């Protein structure tokens, strides 16, 4: 399963290695598709790939991190 999400980081979370911790905690492959940090805020477009249950658990874990907001990236039907 491949999940594409946006991660929004607040001023405290933007300096934390959240994506590294995610890869250490779960058996997933992460792919940063885009990232921008300015004025102490961050936005990352991230792909998370692995088994369905592990990807779902990793997404839940991300929502539990202080200062991190997860939003799904809508996919074009043609893109698949």
N, C-alpha and C. Protein backbone atom coordinates (compact mmCIF):
# COMPACT_ATOMS: atom_id res chain seq x y z
N UNK A 1 0.85 -1.18 0.00
CA UNK A 1 0.00 0.00 0.00
C UNK A 1 0.89 1.24 0.00
N UNK A 2 0.47 2.25 -0.73
CA UNK A 2 1.18 3.52 -0.74
C UNK A 2 0.21 4.62 -0.34
N UNK A 3 0.58 5.38 0.68
CA UNK A 3 -0.24 6.48 1.18
C UNK A 3 0.51 7.77 0.93
N UNK A 4 -0.17 8.76 0.38
CA UNK A 4 0.43 10.08 0.13
C UNK A 4 -0.26 11.08 1.05
N UNK A 5 0.57 11.80 1.81
CA UNK A 5 0.04 12.75 2.78
C UNK A 5 0.85 14.04 2.78
N UNK A 6 0.22 15.09 3.28
CA UNK A 6 0.92 16.32 3.63
C UNK A 6 1.09 16.30 5.14
N UNK A 7 2.26 16.68 5.59
CA UNK A 7 2.52 16.87 7.01
C UNK A 7 2.79 18.35 7.24
N UNK A 8 2.03 18.95 8.13
CA UNK A 8 2.24 20.34 8.52
C UNK A 8 2.88 20.32 9.90
N UNK A 9 4.00 21.00 10.04
CA UNK A 9 4.74 21.05 11.30
C UNK A 9 4.65 22.44 11.90
N UNK A 10 4.40 22.51 13.22
CA UNK A 10 4.42 23.81 13.89
C UNK A 10 5.86 24.16 14.27
N UNK A 11 6.05 25.28 14.95
CA UNK A 11 7.38 25.79 15.24
C UNK A 11 8.23 24.82 16.06
N UNK A 12 7.63 24.10 17.01
CA UNK A 12 8.40 23.15 17.81
C UNK A 12 8.71 21.87 17.02
N UNK A 13 7.74 21.36 16.31
CA UNK A 13 7.89 20.08 15.61
C UNK A 13 8.79 20.18 14.38
N UNK A 14 8.95 21.36 13.82
CA UNK A 14 9.71 21.50 12.58
C UNK A 14 11.19 21.12 12.78
N UNK A 15 11.68 21.17 14.00
CA UNK A 15 13.08 20.82 14.25
C UNK A 15 13.25 19.37 14.73
N UNK A 16 12.16 18.63 14.84
CA UNK A 16 12.21 17.24 15.30
C UNK A 16 12.35 16.28 14.10
N UNK A 17 13.08 15.18 14.26
CA UNK A 17 13.25 14.21 13.17
C UNK A 17 12.07 13.23 13.06
N UNK A 18 10.89 13.75 12.83
CA UNK A 18 9.66 12.96 12.85
C UNK A 18 9.67 11.86 11.77
N UNK A 19 10.09 12.18 10.57
CA UNK A 19 10.07 11.20 9.48
C UNK A 19 11.11 10.11 9.75
N UNK A 20 12.26 10.47 10.27
CA UNK A 20 13.27 9.48 10.65
C UNK A 20 12.71 8.54 11.72
N UNK A 21 12.07 9.12 12.75
CA UNK A 21 11.47 8.29 13.81
C UNK A 21 10.41 7.35 13.25
N UNK A 22 9.63 7.84 12.30
CA UNK A 22 8.60 7.01 11.66
C UNK A 22 9.24 5.78 11.01
N UNK A 23 10.32 6.00 10.26
CA UNK A 23 10.99 4.89 9.57
C UNK A 23 11.66 3.93 10.55
N UNK A 24 12.07 4.42 11.72
CA UNK A 24 12.67 3.56 12.74
C UNK A 24 11.62 2.73 13.45
N UNK A 25 10.46 3.32 13.66
CA UNK A 25 9.38 2.69 14.43
C UNK A 25 8.59 1.66 13.61
N UNK A 26 8.45 1.92 12.30
CA UNK A 26 7.60 1.08 11.44
C UNK A 26 8.38 0.58 10.23
N UNK A 27 7.99 -0.58 9.73
CA UNK A 27 8.62 -1.17 8.55
C UNK A 27 7.97 -0.56 7.30
N UNK A 28 8.33 0.69 7.03
CA UNK A 28 7.79 1.41 5.88
C UNK A 28 8.94 2.07 5.12
N UNK A 29 8.67 2.35 3.85
CA UNK A 29 9.58 3.13 3.03
C UNK A 29 8.97 4.51 2.91
N UNK A 30 9.75 5.54 3.23
CA UNK A 30 9.26 6.91 3.11
C UNK A 30 9.95 7.59 1.93
N UNK A 31 9.21 8.45 1.26
CA UNK A 31 9.73 9.19 0.12
C UNK A 31 9.23 10.62 0.24
N UNK A 32 10.14 11.55 0.51
CA UNK A 32 9.76 12.96 0.60
C UNK A 32 9.63 13.50 -0.82
N UNK A 33 8.41 13.88 -1.17
CA UNK A 33 8.12 14.37 -2.53
C UNK A 33 8.31 15.88 -2.65
N UNK A 34 8.15 16.59 -1.55
CA UNK A 34 8.39 18.03 -1.52
C UNK A 34 8.48 18.46 -0.07
N UNK A 35 9.19 19.55 0.16
CA UNK A 35 9.30 20.08 1.51
C UNK A 35 9.58 21.57 1.45
N UNK A 36 9.02 22.28 2.42
CA UNK A 36 9.24 23.71 2.53
C UNK A 36 9.20 24.10 4.00
N UNK A 37 10.19 24.85 4.41
CA UNK A 37 10.23 25.36 5.79
C UNK A 37 10.46 26.86 5.70
N UNK A 38 9.61 27.61 6.40
CA UNK A 38 9.82 29.05 6.49
C UNK A 38 9.07 29.58 7.70
N UNK A 39 9.65 30.59 8.30
CA UNK A 39 9.05 31.24 9.47
C UNK A 39 8.69 30.24 10.56
N UNK A 40 9.53 29.23 10.75
CA UNK A 40 9.31 28.27 11.83
C UNK A 40 8.18 27.29 11.60
N UNK A 41 7.69 27.21 10.37
CA UNK A 41 6.62 26.27 10.03
C UNK A 41 7.12 25.39 8.89
N UNK A 42 6.61 24.16 8.81
CA UNK A 42 7.04 23.27 7.75
C UNK A 42 5.90 22.55 7.08
N UNK A 43 6.08 22.24 5.80
CA UNK A 43 5.13 21.45 5.03
C UNK A 43 5.92 20.41 4.26
N UNK A 44 5.52 19.14 4.37
CA UNK A 44 6.18 18.05 3.67
C UNK A 44 5.13 17.23 2.94
N UNK A 45 5.39 16.93 1.67
CA UNK A 45 4.60 15.97 0.91
C UNK A 45 5.32 14.64 1.02
N UNK A 46 4.68 13.64 1.62
CA UNK A 46 5.34 12.39 1.95
C UNK A 46 4.56 11.19 1.42
N UNK A 47 5.29 10.24 0.83
CA UNK A 47 4.72 8.93 0.48
C UNK A 47 5.19 7.94 1.54
N UNK A 48 4.26 7.12 1.99
CA UNK A 48 4.57 6.05 2.95
C UNK A 48 4.13 4.75 2.30
N UNK A 49 5.07 3.82 2.16
CA UNK A 49 4.76 2.57 1.48
C UNK A 49 5.12 1.38 2.36
N UNK A 50 4.22 0.38 2.36
CA UNK A 50 4.44 -0.84 3.12
C UNK A 50 3.15 -1.65 3.13
N UNK A 51 3.08 -2.62 4.04
CA UNK A 51 1.85 -3.40 4.13
C UNK A 51 0.73 -2.49 4.64
N UNK A 52 -0.50 -2.82 4.28
CA UNK A 52 -1.64 -1.98 4.63
C UNK A 52 -1.73 -1.69 6.12
N UNK A 53 -1.62 -2.73 6.94
CA UNK A 53 -1.78 -2.51 8.39
C UNK A 53 -0.63 -1.68 8.96
N UNK A 54 0.57 -1.83 8.44
CA UNK A 54 1.71 -1.04 8.95
C UNK A 54 1.60 0.41 8.49
N UNK A 55 1.20 0.64 7.26
CA UNK A 55 1.02 2.01 6.76
C UNK A 55 -0.08 2.71 7.55
N UNK A 56 -1.19 2.03 7.81
CA UNK A 56 -2.27 2.63 8.60
C UNK A 56 -1.81 2.94 10.01
N UNK A 57 -1.04 2.04 10.62
CA UNK A 57 -0.52 2.27 11.97
C UNK A 57 0.46 3.44 11.98
N UNK A 58 1.27 3.55 10.93
CA UNK A 58 2.23 4.65 10.88
C UNK A 58 1.51 5.99 10.71
N UNK A 59 0.44 6.02 9.93
CA UNK A 59 -0.35 7.25 9.77
C UNK A 59 -0.99 7.64 11.09
N UNK A 60 -1.50 6.67 11.82
CA UNK A 60 -2.07 6.95 13.14
C UNK A 60 -1.01 7.51 14.07
N UNK A 61 0.19 6.93 14.05
CA UNK A 61 1.29 7.40 14.88
C UNK A 61 1.62 8.85 14.56
N UNK A 62 1.63 9.20 13.27
CA UNK A 62 1.92 10.58 12.88
C UNK A 62 0.89 11.55 13.46
N UNK A 63 -0.37 11.15 13.48
CA UNK A 63 -1.41 12.04 14.01
C UNK A 63 -1.27 12.24 15.52
N UNK A 64 -0.55 11.35 16.18
CA UNK A 64 -0.35 11.45 17.63
C UNK A 64 0.87 12.27 18.01
N UNK A 65 1.65 12.71 17.02
CA UNK A 65 2.86 13.49 17.31
C UNK A 65 2.48 14.95 17.55
N UNK A 66 3.01 15.52 18.64
CA UNK A 66 2.73 16.92 18.97
C UNK A 66 3.24 17.84 17.87
N UNK A 67 2.38 18.75 17.44
CA UNK A 67 2.78 19.75 16.47
C UNK A 67 2.78 19.30 15.03
N UNK A 68 2.26 18.09 14.76
CA UNK A 68 2.21 17.56 13.40
C UNK A 68 0.76 17.33 13.01
N UNK A 69 0.37 17.86 11.86
CA UNK A 69 -0.98 17.65 11.34
C UNK A 69 -0.87 16.89 10.02
N UNK A 70 -1.60 15.80 9.90
CA UNK A 70 -1.58 14.96 8.70
C UNK A 70 -2.82 15.23 7.86
N UNK A 71 -2.63 15.44 6.57
CA UNK A 71 -3.74 15.61 5.63
C UNK A 71 -3.49 14.72 4.42
N UNK A 72 -4.49 13.96 3.98
CA UNK A 72 -4.30 13.12 2.80
C UNK A 72 -4.13 13.97 1.55
N UNK A 73 -3.32 13.48 0.62
CA UNK A 73 -3.19 14.12 -0.69
C UNK A 73 -4.18 13.43 -1.61
N UNK A 74 -5.04 14.20 -2.21
CA UNK A 74 -6.02 13.64 -3.14
C UNK A 74 -5.31 13.22 -4.41
N UNK A 75 -5.61 12.03 -4.91
CA UNK A 75 -5.00 11.52 -6.12
C UNK A 75 -5.93 11.67 -7.31
N UNK A 76 -5.34 11.96 -8.44
CA UNK A 76 -6.08 11.97 -9.68
C UNK A 76 -6.40 10.51 -10.04
N UNK A 77 -7.61 10.24 -10.49
CA UNK A 77 -8.03 8.88 -10.84
C UNK A 77 -7.11 8.31 -11.92
N UNK A 78 -6.69 9.12 -12.87
CA UNK A 78 -5.81 8.66 -13.93
C UNK A 78 -4.41 8.33 -13.41
N UNK A 79 -3.98 9.01 -12.32
CA UNK A 79 -2.65 8.81 -11.78
C UNK A 79 -2.54 7.47 -11.07
N UNK A 80 -3.65 7.04 -10.40
CA UNK A 80 -3.68 5.75 -9.75
C UNK A 80 -2.97 5.74 -8.48
